[in-house]
Amino acid sequence: MYCIIEEIVQKVKSSMGEISIKINIADRVYPLKVNMEEEEIIRRAAKLINDRIKEYQENYAVRDKQDLLSMAVLHYATSSLKAEKKVTVEDTDIAEKVYQLDHLLSEFFSK
């Protein structure tokens, strides 16, 4: 009995704050259920995709929506991987600087 009540409570908690929205990407509407906190991010992401598609339509002789979507996905996946790599490199640089500082402080205080 307690397990059933706990399961119901979890379902109620997960449904709280969830809203239904409609997102338009490449002239197609997608109904989604999202957490309220994510709505703005999802709408901004859809706008970025649509803006990128529009840019490709205006600058290239591509009209097929599938091709435009594929080009947009490639653009954003590449950007994501570059950002991920940059963060990794920066984390490594910071870790190296912390190690050097720790070494200097250890030498200073051991005198």
PDB file of N, CA and C in Angstrom:
ATOM      1  N   MET A   1       0.825  -1.192   0.000  1.00  0.00           N
ATOM      2  CA  MET A   1       0.000   0.000   0.000  1.00  0.00           C
ATOM      3  C   MET A   1       0.871   1.259   0.000  1.00  0.00           C
ATOM      4  N   TYR A   2       1.879   1.287   0.862  1.00  0.00           N
ATOM      5  CA  TYR A   2       2.758   2.449   0.941  1.00  0.00           C
ATOM      6  C   TYR A   2       3.467   2.679  -0.391  1.00  0.00           C
ATOM      7  N   CYS A   3       3.865   1.619  -1.058  1.00  0.00           N
ATOM      8  CA  CYS A   3       4.561   1.714  -2.341  1.00  0.00           C
ATOM      9  C   CYS A   3       3.658   2.357  -3.393  1.00  0.00           C
ATOM     10  N   ILE A   4       2.392   2.029  -3.395  1.00  0.00           N
ATOM     11  CA  ILE A   4       1.441   2.600  -4.349  1.00  0.00           C
ATOM     12  C   ILE A   4       1.268   4.088  -4.079  1.00  0.00           C
ATOM     13  N   ILE A   5       1.148   4.473  -2.803  1.00  0.00           N
ATOM     14  CA  ILE A   5       0.999   5.885  -2.445  1.00  0.00           C
ATOM     15  C   ILE A   5       2.245   6.660  -2.848  1.00  0.00           C
ATOM     16  N   GLU A   6       3.398   6.089  -2.594  1.00  0.00           N
ATOM     17  CA  GLU A   6       4.651   6.745  -2.963  1.00  0.00           C
ATOM     18  C   GLU A   6       4.727   6.939  -4.481  1.00  0.00           C
ATOM     19  N   GLU A   7       4.296   5.954  -5.241  1.00  0.00           N
ATOM     20  CA  GLU A   7       4.295   6.048  -6.697  1.00  0.00           C
ATOM     21  C   GLU A   7       3.353   7.152  -7.173  1.00  0.00           C
ATOM     22  N   ILE A   8       2.180   7.257  -6.551  1.00  0.00           N
ATOM     23  CA  ILE A   8       1.218   8.302  -6.907  1.00  0.00           C
ATOM     24  C   ILE A   8       1.799   9.679  -6.594  1.00  0.00           C
ATOM     25  N   VAL A   9       2.422   9.811  -5.435  1.00  0.00           N
ATOM     26  CA  VAL A   9       3.039  11.082  -5.054  1.00  0.00           C
ATOM     27  C   VAL A   9       4.115  11.466  -6.074  1.00  0.00           C
ATOM     28  N   GLN A  10       4.934  10.528  -6.514  1.00  0.00           N
ATOM     29  CA  GLN A  10       5.975  10.805  -7.500  1.00  0.00           C
ATOM     30  C   GLN A  10       5.370  11.276  -8.822  1.00  0.00           C
ATOM     31  N   LYS A  11       4.271  10.636  -9.238  1.00  0.00           N
ATOM     32  CA  LYS A  11       3.620  11.035 -10.485  1.00  0.00           C
ATOM     33  C   LYS A  11       3.044  12.441 -10.377  1.00  0.00           C
ATOM     34  N   VAL A  12       2.453  12.756  -9.233  1.00  0.00           N
ATOM     35  CA  VAL A  12       1.897  14.091  -9.029  1.00  0.00           C
ATOM     36  C   VAL A  12       3.022  15.123  -9.040  1.00  0.00           C
ATOM     37  N   LYS A  13       4.119  14.823  -8.360  1.00  0.00           N
ATOM     38  CA  LYS A  13       5.253  15.749  -8.327  1.00  0.00           C
ATOM     39  C   LYS A  13       5.812  15.978  -9.714  1.00  0.00           C
ATOM     40  N   SER A  14       5.923  14.902 -10.497  1.00  0.00           N
ATOM     41  CA  SER A  14       6.511  15.054 -11.828  1.00  0.00           C
ATOM     42  C   SER A  14       5.582  15.793 -12.775  1.00  0.00           C
ATOM     43  N   SER A  15       4.279  15.712 -12.549  1.00  0.00           N
ATOM     44  CA  SER A  15       3.352  16.415 -13.430  1.00  0.00           C
ATOM     45  C   SER A  15       3.188  17.877 -13.025  1.00  0.00           C
ATOM     46  N   MET A  16       3.554  18.210 -11.795  1.00  0.00           N
ATOM     47  CA  MET A  16       3.473  19.602 -11.359  1.00  0.00           C
ATOM     48  C   MET A  16       4.547  20.408 -12.082  1.00  0.00           C
ATOM     49  N   GLY A  17       4.169  21.554 -12.555  1.00  0.00           N
ATOM     50  CA  GLY A  17       5.136  22.389 -13.243  1.00  0.00           C
ATOM     51  C   GLY A  17       5.313  22.002 -14.693  1.00  0.00           C
ATOM     52  N   GLU A  18       4.603  20.988 -15.144  1.00  0.00           N
ATOM     53  CA  GLU A  18       4.705  20.572 -16.529  1.00  0.00           C
ATOM     54  C   GLU A  18       3.602  21.249 -17.326  1.00  0.00           C
ATOM     55  N   ILE A  19       3.978  21.819 -18.466  1.00  0.00           N
ATOM     56  CA  ILE A  19       2.997  22.519 -19.290  1.00  0.00           C
ATOM     57  C   ILE A  19       3.050  21.983 -20.718  1.00  0.00           C
ATOM     58  N   SER A  20       1.985  22.197 -21.435  1.00  0.00           N
ATOM     59  CA  SER A  20       1.924  21.817 -22.845  1.00  0.00           C
ATOM     60  C   SER A  20       2.199  23.050 -23.689  1.00  0.00           C
ATOM     61  N   ILE A  21       3.116  22.891 -24.633  1.00  0.00           N
ATOM     62  CA  ILE A  21       3.430  23.992 -25.545  1.00  0.00           C
ATOM     63  C   ILE A  21       3.464  23.450 -26.964  1.00  0.00           C
ATOM     64  N   LYS A  22       3.393  24.357 -27.920  1.00  0.00           N
ATOM     65  CA  LYS A  22       3.524  23.993 -29.324  1.00  0.00           C
ATOM     66  C   LYS A  22       4.726  24.739 -29.880  1.00  0.00           C
ATOM     67  N   ILE A  23       5.618  23.988 -30.490  1.00  0.00           N
ATOM     68  CA  ILE A  23       6.834  24.546 -31.058  1.00  0.00           C
ATOM     69  C   ILE A  23       6.786  24.377 -32.570  1.00  0.00           C
ATOM     70  N   ASN A  24       7.088  25.447 -33.284  1.00  0.00           N
ATOM     71  CA  ASN A  24       7.111  25.412 -34.740  1.00  0.00           C
ATOM     72  C   ASN A  24       8.561  25.367 -35.198  1.00  0.00           C
ATOM     73  N   ILE A  25       8.909  24.300 -35.914  1.00  0.00           N
ATOM     74  CA  ILE A  25      10.243  24.171 -36.488  1.00  0.00           C
ATOM     75  C   ILE A  25      10.075  23.810 -37.958  1.00  0.00           C
ATOM     76  N   ALA A  26      10.627  24.625 -38.818  1.00  0.00           N
ATOM     77  CA  ALA A  26      10.574  24.386 -40.262  1.00  0.00           C
ATOM     78  C   ALA A  26       9.143  24.200 -40.748  1.00  0.00           C
ATOM     79  N   ASP A  27       8.272  25.075 -40.291  1.00  0.00           N
ATOM     80  CA  ASP A  27       6.862  25.079 -40.699  1.00  0.00           C
ATOM     81  C   ASP A  27       6.090  23.831 -40.279  1.00  0.00           C
ATOM     82  N   ARG A  28       6.560  23.159 -39.254  1.00  0.00           N
ATOM     83  CA  ARG A  28       5.826  22.035 -38.680  1.00  0.00           C
ATOM     84  C   ARG A  28       5.645  22.297 -37.197  1.00  0.00           C
ATOM     85  N   VAL A  29       4.478  21.990 -36.692  1.00  0.00           N
ATOM     86  CA  VAL A  29       4.164  22.239 -35.287  1.00  0.00           C
ATOM     87  C   VAL A  29       4.348  20.939 -34.503  1.00  0.00           C
ATOM     88  N   TYR A  30       5.046  21.076 -33.373  1.00  0.00           N
ATOM     89  CA  TYR A  30       5.310  19.938 -32.502  1.00  0.00           C
ATOM     90  C   TYR A  30       4.742  20.226 -31.115  1.00  0.00           C
ATOM     91  N   PRO A  31       3.721  19.479 -30.693  1.00  0.00           N
ATOM     92  CA  PRO A  31       3.217  19.653 -29.329  1.00  0.00           C
ATOM     93  C   PRO A  31       4.163  18.956 -28.349  1.00  0.00           C
ATOM     94  N   LEU A  32       4.505  19.656 -27.297  1.00  0.00           N
ATOM     95  CA  LEU A  32       5.439  19.114 -26.303  1.00  0.00           C
ATOM     96  C   LEU A  32       4.909  19.339 -24.900  1.00  0.00           C
ATOM     97  N   LYS A  33       5.262  18.453 -23.994  1.00  0.00           N
ATOM     98  CA  LYS A  33       5.046  18.668 -22.568  1.00  0.00           C
ATOM     99  C   LYS A  33       6.426  18.892 -21.969  1.00  0.00           C
ATOM    100  N   VAL A  34       6.589  20.054 -21.341  1.00  0.00           N
ATOM    101  CA  VAL A  34       7.894  20.422 -20.802  1.00  0.00           C
ATOM    102  C   VAL A  34       7.730  20.985 -19.401  1.00  0.00           C
ATOM    103  N   ASN A  35       8.807  20.954 -18.642  1.00  0.00           N
ATOM    104  CA  ASN A  35       8.807  21.628 -17.348  1.00  0.00           C
ATOM    105  C   ASN A  35       8.771  23.128 -17.586  1.00  0.00           C
ATOM    106  N   MET A  36       8.095  23.833 -16.717  1.00  0.00           N
ATOM    107  CA  MET A  36       7.963  25.286 -16.874  1.00  0.00           C
ATOM    108  C   MET A  36       9.328  25.967 -16.980  1.00  0.00           C
ATOM    109  N   GLU A  37      10.302  25.453 -16.227  1.00  0.00           N
ATOM    110  CA  GLU A  37      11.635  26.058 -16.231  1.00  0.00           C
ATOM    111  C   GLU A  37      12.313  25.922 -17.591  1.00  0.00           C
ATOM    112  N   GLU A  38      11.934  24.919 -18.365  1.00  0.00           N
ATOM    113  CA  GLU A  38      12.585  24.667 -19.642  1.00  0.00           C
ATOM    114  C   GLU A  38      11.912  25.375 -20.816  1.00  0.00           C
ATOM    115  N   GLU A  39      10.729  25.917 -20.611  1.00  0.00           N
ATOM    116  CA  GLU A  39       9.960  26.478 -21.724  1.00  0.00           C
ATOM    117  C   GLU A  39      10.736  27.539 -22.497  1.00  0.00           C
ATOM    118  N   GLU A  40      11.307  28.501 -21.803  1.00  0.00           N
ATOM    119  CA  GLU A  40      12.019  29.586 -22.477  1.00  0.00           C
ATOM    120  C   GLU A  40      13.194  29.057 -23.288  1.00  0.00           C
ATOM    121  N   ILE A  41      13.932  28.128 -22.725  1.00  0.00           N
ATOM    122  CA  ILE A  41      15.088  27.566 -23.428  1.00  0.00           C
ATOM    123  C   ILE A  41      14.648  26.834 -24.689  1.00  0.00           C
ATOM    124  N   ILE A  42      13.578  26.070 -24.581  1.00  0.00           N
ATOM    125  CA  ILE A  42      13.081  25.319 -25.737  1.00  0.00           C
ATOM    126  C   ILE A  42      12.588  26.271 -26.824  1.00  0.00           C
ATOM    127  N   ARG A  43      11.887  27.306 -26.432  1.00  0.00           N
ATOM    128  CA  ARG A  43      11.406  28.283 -27.424  1.00  0.00           C
ATOM    129  C   ARG A  43      12.580  29.019 -28.082  1.00  0.00           C
ATOM    130  N   ARG A  44      13.586  29.354 -27.312  1.00  0.00           N
ATOM    131  CA  ARG A  44      14.774  30.009 -27.882  1.00  0.00           C
ATOM    132  C   ARG A  44      15.520  29.077 -28.831  1.00  0.00           C
ATOM    133  N   ALA A  45      15.592  27.800 -28.465  1.00  0.00           N
ATOM    134  CA  ALA A  45      16.254  26.816 -29.333  1.00  0.00           C
ATOM    135  C   ALA A  45      15.515  26.690 -30.658  1.00  0.00           C
ATOM    136  N   ALA A  46      14.193  26.628 -30.600  1.00  0.00           N
ATOM    137  CA  ALA A  46      13.398  26.542 -31.829  1.00  0.00           C
ATOM    138  C   ALA A  46      13.609  27.785 -32.689  1.00  0.00           C
ATOM    139  N   LYS A  47      13.684  28.952 -32.056  1.00  0.00           N
ATOM    140  CA  LYS A  47      13.915  30.192 -32.806  1.00  0.00           C
ATOM    141  C   LYS A  47      15.283  30.165 -33.475  1.00  0.00           C
ATOM    142  N   LEU A  48      16.296  29.699 -32.759  1.00  0.00           N
ATOM    143  CA  LEU A  48      17.639  29.596 -33.349  1.00  0.00           C
ATOM    144  C   LEU A  48      17.629  28.676 -34.571  1.00  0.00           C
ATOM    145  N   ILE A  49      16.955  27.557 -34.452  1.00  0.00           N
ATOM    146  CA  ILE A  49      16.879  26.603 -35.571  1.00  0.00           C
ATOM    147  C   ILE A  49      16.178  27.251 -36.762  1.00  0.00           C
ATOM    148  N   ASN A  50      15.037  27.881 -36.508  1.00  0.00           N
ATOM    149  CA  ASN A  50      14.294  28.523 -37.601  1.00  0.00           C
ATOM    150  C   ASN A  50      15.086  29.659 -38.235  1.00  0.00           C
ATOM    151  N   ASP A  51      15.798  30.430 -37.423  1.00  0.00           N
ATOM    152  CA  ASP A  51      16.632  31.509 -37.962  1.00  0.00           C
ATOM    153  C   ASP A  51      17.752  30.947 -38.839  1.00  0.00           C
ATOM    154  N   ARG A  52      18.343  29.850 -38.399  1.00  0.00           N
ATOM    155  CA  ARG A  52      19.429  29.220 -39.165  1.00  0.00           C
ATOM    156  C   ARG A  52      18.884  28.685 -40.494  1.00  0.00           C
ATOM    157  N   ILE A  53      17.703  28.074 -40.466  1.00  0.00           N
ATOM    158  CA  ILE A  53      17.077  27.566 -41.688  1.00  0.00           C
ATOM    159  C   ILE A  53      16.799  28.715 -42.649  1.00  0.00           C
ATOM    160  N   LYS A  54      16.281  29.807 -42.128  1.00  0.00           N
ATOM    161  CA  LYS A  54      15.993  30.975 -42.961  1.00  0.00           C
ATOM    162  C   LYS A  54      17.272  31.513 -43.594  1.00  0.00           C
ATOM    163  N   GLU A  55      18.331  31.559 -42.801  1.00  0.00           N
ATOM    164  CA  GLU A  55      19.626  32.028 -43.325  1.00  0.00           C
ATOM    165  C   GLU A  55      20.103  31.136 -44.465  1.00  0.00           C
ATOM    166  N   TYR A  56      19.998  29.819 -44.294  1.00  0.00           N
ATOM    167  CA  TYR A  56      20.409  28.896 -45.343  1.00  0.00           C
ATOM    168  C   TYR A  56      19.529  29.045 -46.586  1.00  0.00           C
ATOM    169  N   GLN A  57      18.240  29.261 -46.406  1.00  0.00           N
ATOM    170  CA  GLN A  57      17.339  29.454 -47.548  1.00  0.00           C
ATOM    171  C   GLN A  57      17.725  30.696 -48.343  1.00  0.00           C
ATOM    172  N   GLU A  58      18.084  31.744 -47.631  1.00  0.00           N
ATOM    173  CA  GLU A  58      18.410  33.004 -48.289  1.00  0.00           C
ATOM    174  C   GLU A  58      19.778  32.994 -48.964  1.00  0.00           C
ATOM    175  N   ASN A  59      20.723  32.241 -48.407  1.00  0.00           N
ATOM    176  CA  ASN A  59      22.100  32.292 -48.898  1.00  0.00           C
ATOM    177  C   ASN A  59      22.506  31.132 -49.804  1.00  0.00           C
ATOM    178  N   TYR A  60      21.730  30.088 -49.833  1.00  0.00           N
ATOM    179  CA  TYR A  60      22.085  28.918 -50.640  1.00  0.00           C
ATOM    180  C   TYR A  60      20.889  28.514 -51.490  1.00  0.00           C
ATOM    181  N   ALA A  61      21.147  27.763 -52.511  1.00  0.00           N
ATOM    182  CA  ALA A  61      20.082  27.330 -53.416  1.00  0.00           C
ATOM    183  C   ALA A  61      19.423  26.050 -52.910  1.00  0.00           C
ATOM    184  N   VAL A  62      19.197  25.983 -51.623  1.00  0.00           N
ATOM    185  CA  VAL A  62      18.586  24.801 -51.011  1.00  0.00           C
ATOM    186  C   VAL A  62      17.165  25.163 -50.606  1.00  0.00           C
ATOM    187  N   ARG A  63      16.215  24.360 -51.002  1.00  0.00           N
ATOM    188  CA  ARG A  63      14.818  24.621 -50.659  1.00  0.00           C
ATOM    189  C   ARG A  63      14.193  23.463 -49.882  1.00  0.00           C
ATOM    190  N   ASP A  64      14.788  22.293 -49.997  1.00  0.00           N
ATOM    191  CA  ASP A  64      14.230  21.121 -49.327  1.00  0.00           C
ATOM    192  C   ASP A  64      14.370  21.260 -47.814  1.00  0.00           C
ATOM    193  N   LYS A  65      13.251  21.143 -47.099  1.00  0.00           N
ATOM    194  CA  LYS A  65      13.256  21.324 -45.635  1.00  0.00           C
ATOM    195  C   LYS A  65      14.161  20.309 -44.948  1.00  0.00           C
ATOM    196  N   GLN A  66      14.175  19.083 -45.445  1.00  0.00           N
ATOM    197  CA  GLN A  66      15.029  18.051 -44.837  1.00  0.00           C
ATOM    198  C   GLN A  66      16.496  18.442 -44.938  1.00  0.00           C
ATOM    199  N   ASP A  67      16.907  18.952 -46.095  1.00  0.00           N
ATOM    200  CA  ASP A  67      18.295  19.385 -46.269  1.00  0.00           C
ATOM    201  C   ASP A  67      18.614  20.565 -45.352  1.00  0.00           C
ATOM    202  N   LEU A  68      17.682  21.509 -45.269  1.00  0.00           N
ATOM    203  CA  LEU A  68      17.890  22.677 -44.409  1.00  0.00           C
ATOM    204  C   LEU A  68      17.992  22.273 -42.945  1.00  0.00           C
ATOM    205  N   LEU A  69      17.120  21.361 -42.521  1.00  0.00           N
ATOM    206  CA  LEU A  69      17.178  20.875 -41.137  1.00  0.00           C
ATOM    207  C   LEU A  69      18.491  20.136 -40.867  1.00  0.00           C
ATOM    208  N   SER A  70      18.919  19.329 -41.832  1.00  0.00           N
ATOM    209  CA  SER A  70      20.181  18.592 -41.672  1.00  0.00           C
ATOM    210  C   SER A  70      21.357  19.544 -41.543  1.00  0.00           C
ATOM    211  N   MET A  71      21.363  20.608 -42.350  1.00  0.00           N
ATOM    212  CA  MET A  71      22.439  21.595 -42.275  1.00  0.00           C
ATOM    213  C   MET A  71      22.411  22.316 -40.929  1.00  0.00           C
ATOM    214  N   ALA A  72      21.213  22.642 -40.436  1.00  0.00           N
ATOM    215  CA  ALA A  72      21.098  23.309 -39.132  1.00  0.00           C
ATOM    216  C   ALA A  72      21.568  22.391 -38.012  1.00  0.00           C
ATOM    217  N   VAL A  73      21.178  21.128 -38.065  1.00  0.00           N
ATOM    218  CA  VAL A  73      21.611  20.166 -37.045  1.00  0.00           C
ATOM    219  C   VAL A  73      23.128  20.031 -37.051  1.00  0.00           C
ATOM    220  N   LEU A  74      23.713  19.944 -38.238  1.00  0.00           N
ATOM    221  CA  LEU A  74      25.169  19.842 -38.343  1.00  0.00           C
ATOM    222  C   LEU A  74      25.840  21.073 -37.746  1.00  0.00           C
ATOM    223  N   HIS A  75      25.291  22.246 -38.037  1.00  0.00           N
ATOM    224  CA  HIS A  75      25.848  23.490 -37.500  1.00  0.00           C
ATOM    225  C   HIS A  75      25.839  23.476 -35.965  1.00  0.00           C
ATOM    226  N   TYR A  76      24.689  23.148 -35.381  1.00  0.00           N
ATOM    227  CA  TYR A  76      24.582  23.206 -33.920  1.00  0.00           C
ATOM    228  C   TYR A  76      25.323  22.062 -33.232  1.00  0.00           C
ATOM    229  N   ALA A  77      25.379  20.905 -33.853  1.00  0.00           N
ATOM    230  CA  ALA A  77      26.151  19.800 -33.271  1.00  0.00           C
ATOM    231  C   ALA A  77      27.645  20.147 -33.273  1.00  0.00           C
ATOM    232  N   THR A  78      28.103  20.736 -34.361  1.00  0.00           N
ATOM    233  CA  THR A  78      29.502  21.154 -34.447  1.00  0.00           C
ATOM    234  C   THR A  78      29.813  22.224 -33.406  1.00  0.00           C
ATOM    235  N   SER A  79      28.922  23.197 -33.272  1.00  0.00           N
ATOM    236  CA  SER A  79      29.109  24.251 -32.269  1.00  0.00           C
ATOM    237  C   SER A  79      29.156  23.673 -30.862  1.00  0.00           C
ATOM    238  N   SER A  80      28.286  22.723 -30.599  1.00  0.00           N
ATOM    239  CA  SER A  80      28.246  22.086 -29.281  1.00  0.00           C
ATOM    240  C   SER A  80      29.550  21.346 -28.984  1.00  0.00           C
ATOM    241  N   LEU A  81      30.047  20.608 -29.960  1.00  0.00           N
ATOM    242  CA  LEU A  81      31.295  19.867 -29.767  1.00  0.00           C
ATOM    243  C   LEU A  81      32.486  20.804 -29.582  1.00  0.00           C
ATOM    244  N   LYS A  82      32.501  21.908 -30.321  1.00  0.00           N
ATOM    245  CA  LYS A  82      33.580  22.891 -30.151  1.00  0.00           C
ATOM    246  C   LYS A  82      33.545  23.496 -28.750  1.00  0.00           C
ATOM    247  N   ALA A  83      32.348  23.831 -28.287  1.00  0.00           N
ATOM    248  CA  ALA A  83      32.213  24.416 -26.947  1.00  0.00           C
ATOM    249  C   ALA A  83      32.639  23.402 -25.883  1.00  0.00           C
ATOM    250  N   GLU A  84      32.255  22.161 -26.083  1.00  0.00           N
ATOM    251  CA  GLU A  84      32.632  21.100 -25.134  1.00  0.00           C
ATOM    252  C   GLU A  84      34.145  20.940 -25.078  1.00  0.00           C
ATOM    253  N   LYS A  85      34.781  20.966 -26.243  1.00  0.00           N
ATOM    254  CA  LYS A  85      36.243  20.840 -26.303  1.00  0.00           C
ATOM    255  C   LYS A  85      36.908  22.033 -25.628  1.00  0.00           C
ATOM    256  N   LYS A  86      36.377  23.228 -25.871  1.00  0.00           N
ATOM    257  CA  LYS A  86      36.941  24.441 -25.268  1.00  0.00           C
ATOM    258  C   LYS A  86      36.869  24.377 -23.749  1.00  0.00           C
ATOM    259  N   VAL A  87      35.736  23.916 -23.217  1.00  0.00           N
ATOM    260  CA  VAL A  87      35.580  23.795 -21.769  1.00  0.00           C
ATOM    261  C   VAL A  87      36.589  22.793 -21.214  1.00  0.00           C
ATOM    262  N   THR A  88      36.781  21.691 -21.915  1.00  0.00           N
ATOM    263  CA  THR A  88      37.735  20.679 -21.467  1.00  0.00           C
ATOM    264  C   THR A  88      39.149  21.256 -21.426  1.00  0.00           C
ATOM    265  N   VAL A  89      39.529  21.984 -22.473  1.00  0.00           N
ATOM    266  CA  VAL A  89      40.865  22.594 -22.529  1.00  0.00           C
ATOM    267  C   VAL A  89      41.016  23.618 -21.411  1.00  0.00           C
ATOM    268  N   GLU A  90      39.988  24.454 -21.212  1.00  0.00           N
ATOM    269  CA  GLU A  90      40.052  25.462 -20.154  1.00  0.00           C
ATOM    270  C   GLU A  90      40.130  24.812 -18.783  1.00  0.00           C
ATOM    271  N   ASP A  91      39.381  23.721 -18.576  1.00  0.00           N
ATOM    272  CA  ASP A  91      39.454  23.006 -17.299  1.00  0.00           C
ATOM    273  C   ASP A  91      40.854  22.461 -17.063  1.00  0.00           C
ATOM    274  N   THR A  92      41.462  21.933 -18.102  1.00  0.00           N
ATOM    275  CA  THR A  92      42.819  21.409 -17.989  1.00  0.00           C
ATOM    276  C   THR A  92      43.798  22.531 -17.660  1.00  0.00           C
ATOM    277  N   ASP A  93      43.658  23.670 -18.319  1.00  0.00           N
ATOM    278  CA  ASP A  93      44.536  24.815 -18.052  1.00  0.00           C
ATOM    279  C   ASP A  93      44.381  25.298 -16.610  1.00  0.00           C
ATOM    280  N   ILE A  94      43.156  25.383 -16.147  1.00  0.00           N
ATOM    281  CA  ILE A  94      42.898  25.830 -14.774  1.00  0.00           C
ATOM    282  C   ILE A  94      43.481  24.838 -13.775  1.00  0.00           C
ATOM    283  N   ALA A  95      43.294  23.561 -14.033  1.00  0.00           N
ATOM    284  CA  ALA A  95      43.837  22.543 -13.133  1.00  0.00           C
ATOM    285  C   ALA A  95      45.357  22.633 -13.068  1.00  0.00           C
ATOM    286  N   GLU A  96      45.994  22.885 -14.198  1.00  0.00           N
ATOM    287  CA  GLU A  96      47.451  23.029 -14.226  1.00  0.00           C
ATOM    288  C   GLU A  96      47.898  24.251 -13.419  1.00  0.00           C
ATOM    289  N   LYS A  97      47.181  25.353 -13.556  1.00  0.00           N
ATOM    290  CA  LYS A  97      47.526  26.572 -12.810  1.00  0.00           C
ATOM    291  C   LYS A  97      47.321  26.377 -11.308  1.00  0.00           C
ATOM    292  N   VAL A  98      46.274  25.681 -10.934  1.00  0.00           N
ATOM    293  CA  VAL A  98      46.036  25.393  -9.513  1.00  0.00           C
ATOM    294  C   VAL A  98      47.162  24.518  -8.972  1.00  0.00           C
ATOM    295  N   TYR A  99      47.569  23.529  -9.753  1.00  0.00           N
ATOM    296  CA  TYR A  99      48.670  22.665  -9.334  1.00  0.00           C
ATOM    297  C   TYR A  99      49.945  23.477  -9.141  1.00  0.00           C
ATOM    298  N   GLN A 100      50.256  24.381 -10.072  1.00  0.00           N
ATOM    299  CA  GLN A 100      51.458  25.218  -9.962  1.00  0.00           C
ATOM    300  C   GLN A 100      51.385  26.121  -8.740  1.00  0.00           C
ATOM    301  N   LEU A 101      50.221  26.712  -8.507  1.00  0.00           N
ATOM    302  CA  LEU A 101      50.048  27.580  -7.346  1.00  0.00           C
ATOM    303  C   LEU A 101      50.195  26.784  -6.049  1.00  0.00           C
ATOM    304  N   ASP A 102      49.614  25.603  -6.015  1.00  0.00           N
ATOM    305  CA  ASP A 102      49.734  24.739  -4.843  1.00  0.00           C
ATOM    306  C   ASP A 102      51.202  24.395  -4.583  1.00  0.00           C
ATOM    307  N   HIS A 103      51.924  24.103  -5.648  1.00  0.00           N
ATOM    308  CA  HIS A 103      53.349  23.772  -5.519  1.00  0.00           C
ATOM    309  C   HIS A 103      54.139  24.969  -4.976  1.00  0.00           C
ATOM    310  N   LEU A 104      53.856  26.172  -5.508  1.00  0.00           N
ATOM    311  CA  LEU A 104      54.538  27.383  -5.025  1.00  0.00           C
ATOM    312  C   LEU A 104      54.231  27.640  -3.553  1.00  0.00           C
ATOM    313  N   LEU A 105      52.960  27.500  -3.166  1.00  0.00           N
ATOM    314  CA  LEU A 105      52.586  27.732  -1.782  1.00  0.00           C
ATOM    315  C   LEU A 105      53.198  26.697  -0.847  1.00  0.00           C
ATOM    316  N   SER A 106      53.241  25.468  -1.308  1.00  0.00           N
ATOM    317  CA  SER A 106      53.869  24.416  -0.491  1.00  0.00           C
ATOM    318  C   SER A 106      55.333  24.708  -0.269  1.00  0.00           C
ATOM    319  N   GLU A 107      56.023  25.137  -1.320  1.00  0.00           N
ATOM    320  CA  GLU A 107      57.446  25.488  -1.180  1.00  0.00           C
ATOM    321  C   GLU A 107      57.631  26.673  -0.236  1.00  0.00           C
ATOM    322  N   PHE A 108      56.748  27.693  -0.369  1.00  0.00           N
ATOM    323  CA  PHE A 108      56.849  28.875   0.456  1.00  0.00           C
ATOM    324  C   PHE A 108      56.647  28.552   1.935  1.00  0.00           C
ATOM    325  N   PHE A 109      55.633  27.755   2.235  1.00  0.00           N
ATOM    326  CA  PHE A 109      55.309  27.479   3.641  1.00  0.00           C
ATOM    327  C   PHE A 109      56.208  26.392   4.245  1.00  0.00           C
ATOM    328  N   SER A 110      56.934  25.667   3.436  1.00  0.00           N
ATOM    329  CA  SER A 110      57.806  24.630   3.986  1.00  0.00           C
ATOM    330  C   SER A 110      59.153  25.201   4.395  1.00  0.00           C
ATOM    331  N   LYS A 111      59.411  26.479   4.108  1.00  0.00           N
ATOM    332  CA  LYS A 111      60.681  27.107   4.470  1.00  0.00           C
ATOM    333  C   LYS A 111      60.692  27.529   5.910  1.00  0.00           C
TER     334      LYS A 111
END
